[in-house]
Protein backbone atom coordinates (compact mmCIF):
# COMPACT_ATOMS: atom_id res chain seq x y z
CA UNK A 1 33.49 16.70 -109.10
CA UNK A 2 33.62 13.97 -111.83
CA UNK A 3 35.84 10.99 -111.84
CA UNK A 4 38.28 9.98 -114.54
CA UNK A 5 38.39 6.45 -115.92
CA UNK A 6 41.59 5.08 -117.42
CA UNK A 7 41.58 2.33 -120.00
CA UNK A 8 44.91 0.47 -120.61
CA UNK A 9 45.88 -0.82 -124.00
CA UNK A 10 45.66 -4.59 -124.58
CA UNK A 11 49.17 -5.46 -125.94
CA UNK A 12 49.65 -8.61 -128.03
CA UNK A 13 53.30 -9.72 -127.62
CA UNK A 14 54.06 -9.18 -131.35
CA UNK A 15 52.52 -5.64 -131.28
CA UNK A 16 54.35 -4.86 -128.03
CA UNK A 17 57.75 -5.72 -129.64
CA UNK A 18 56.95 -3.58 -132.68
CA UNK A 19 55.79 -0.69 -130.50
CA UNK A 20 58.85 -0.68 -128.14
CA UNK A 21 61.09 0.50 -131.02
CA UNK A 22 59.12 3.67 -131.04
CA UNK A 23 59.02 4.15 -127.23
CA UNK A 24 55.54 2.85 -126.83
CA UNK A 25 55.08 0.67 -123.70
CA UNK A 26 52.07 -0.53 -121.75
CA UNK A 27 52.81 2.06 -118.98
CA UNK A 28 52.71 5.09 -121.42
CA UNK A 29 49.65 3.91 -123.54
CA UNK A 30 46.23 4.60 -122.18
CA UNK A 31 42.88 6.31 -122.82
CA UNK A 32 41.32 8.56 -120.13
CA UNK A 33 37.69 9.87 -120.06
CA UNK A 34 36.59 12.34 -117.43
CA UNK A 35 36.12 15.94 -116.44
CA UNK A 36 34.69 16.62 -119.86
CA UNK A 37 37.75 15.33 -121.69
CA UNK A 38 38.92 12.47 -123.75
CA UNK A 39 42.68 11.95 -123.79
CA UNK A 40 44.48 9.10 -125.54
CA UNK A 41 48.27 8.62 -125.11
CA UNK A 42 50.34 6.12 -127.17
CA UNK A 43 54.00 6.65 -126.30
CA UNK A 44 54.82 10.25 -127.23
CA UNK A 45 51.70 10.69 -129.27
CA UNK A 46 48.54 12.17 -127.77
CA UNK A 47 45.00 13.08 -128.78
CA UNK A 48 43.13 15.39 -126.39
CA UNK A 49 39.67 16.81 -127.02
CA UNK A 50 36.51 17.74 -125.18
CA UNK A 51 33.77 15.06 -124.88
CA UNK A 52 31.45 17.36 -126.71
CA UNK A 53 33.69 16.83 -129.78
CA UNK A 54 33.06 13.02 -129.75
CA UNK A 55 30.24 12.20 -132.19
CA UNK A 56 30.29 8.39 -131.98
CA UNK A 57 32.11 5.34 -130.74
CA UNK A 58 31.88 1.77 -131.83
CA UNK A 59 33.66 -1.49 -131.76
CA UNK A 60 35.72 -2.42 -134.88
CA UNK A 61 38.23 -5.09 -135.85
CA UNK A 62 39.91 -7.32 -136.58
CA UNK A 63 42.93 -5.51 -137.94
CA UNK A 64 45.91 -6.64 -140.08
CA UNK A 65 49.31 -6.67 -138.30
CA UNK A 66 51.14 -5.20 -141.24
CA UNK A 67 48.76 -2.19 -141.38
CA UNK A 68 48.47 -1.50 -137.62
CA UNK A 69 51.63 -2.57 -135.65
CA UNK A 70 54.32 -0.12 -134.60
CA UNK A 71 53.86 3.63 -134.35
CA UNK A 72 50.47 5.38 -134.74
CA UNK A 73 49.05 4.76 -138.26
CA UNK A 74 47.50 7.46 -140.40
CA UNK A 75 44.67 6.50 -142.75
CA UNK A 76 45.58 7.67 -146.25
CA UNK A 77 42.13 8.41 -147.42
CA UNK A 78 40.40 9.80 -144.25
CA UNK A 79 43.42 10.83 -142.12
CA UNK A 80 42.04 8.67 -139.30
CA UNK A 81 44.63 7.87 -136.64
CA UNK A 82 45.19 4.39 -135.20
CA UNK A 83 46.83 3.51 -131.84
CA UNK A 84 46.95 -0.28 -132.17
CA UNK A 85 48.32 -2.74 -129.60
CA UNK A 86 46.57 -5.85 -130.98
CA UNK A 87 44.71 -6.94 -134.06
CA UNK A 88 41.66 -8.39 -132.37
CA UNK A 89 39.25 -5.32 -131.74
CA UNK A 90 39.17 -1.80 -130.63
CA UNK A 91 37.11 1.32 -130.53
CA UNK A 92 36.65 3.70 -133.43
CA UNK A 93 36.01 7.19 -131.96
CA UNK A 94 34.70 9.79 -134.44
CA UNK A 95 35.01 13.54 -133.88
CA UNK A 96 32.81 16.46 -134.90
CA UNK A 97 35.86 18.65 -135.43
CA UNK A 98 39.19 17.26 -136.46
CA UNK A 99 41.89 16.87 -133.73
CA UNK A 100 45.70 17.08 -133.59
CA UNK A 101 47.50 13.88 -132.83
CA UNK A 102 50.32 12.62 -135.04
CA UNK A 103 52.34 15.84 -135.04
CA UNK A 104 52.68 18.27 -132.19
CA UNK A 105 52.18 21.37 -134.36
CA UNK A 106 48.69 20.13 -135.26
CA UNK A 107 49.18 20.38 -138.99
CA UNK A 108 47.72 16.92 -139.54
CA UNK A 109 44.18 16.88 -138.16
CA UNK A 110 42.15 13.61 -137.62
CA UNK A 111 38.48 12.93 -137.89
CA UNK A 112 38.63 9.68 -136.05
CA UNK A 113 40.85 7.66 -133.69
CA UNK A 114 40.94 3.87 -133.28
CA UNK A 115 42.24 2.61 -129.91
CA UNK A 116 42.83 -1.01 -128.89
CA UNK A 117 42.08 -0.90 -125.23
CA UNK A 118 41.70 -3.95 -122.97
CA UNK A 119 38.11 -3.14 -122.33
CA UNK A 120 36.54 -1.80 -125.54
CA UNK A 121 32.93 -2.37 -124.66
CA UNK A 122 33.46 -0.44 -121.38
CA UNK A 123 35.04 2.54 -123.22
CA UNK A 124 32.08 2.65 -125.57
CA UNK A 125 29.73 2.54 -122.66
CA UNK A 126 31.53 5.40 -120.85
CA UNK A 127 31.41 7.56 -123.96
CA UNK A 128 27.67 6.67 -124.47
CA UNK A 129 27.04 7.59 -120.81
CA UNK A 130 28.80 10.90 -121.37
CA UNK A 131 26.16 11.47 -124.02
CA UNK A 132 28.64 11.45 -126.94
CA UNK A 133 29.33 7.96 -128.23
CA UNK A 134 26.71 6.03 -130.24
CA UNK A 135 26.99 2.47 -131.60
């Protein structure tokens, strides 16, 4: 039996105010890794995939408020998805196969996800220990 680790998002007050308008709150924003799965929730938005689909994970940032605050952000050129609760730093998680996330029908598929959890180094470490994430 494997354990699941939950990583809470690190909300900057300005980001938290912008996120609340979209139903995103600290209590419904987290990343879980365990039982062979990676699941990220950011309000009503979710990304869920097997750990075997994670090709790498690395620390990124800083980010500009205007480009990251509020609801999940979609990268125009790469369709990367961002769940940002602060502009300081986060984890860029890359996938082997694109995943659903921004719409429930799965029409938009994402090759990467950026999450601004409170413990980004630990999340990268957990993904590396799972044999998936590389810096």
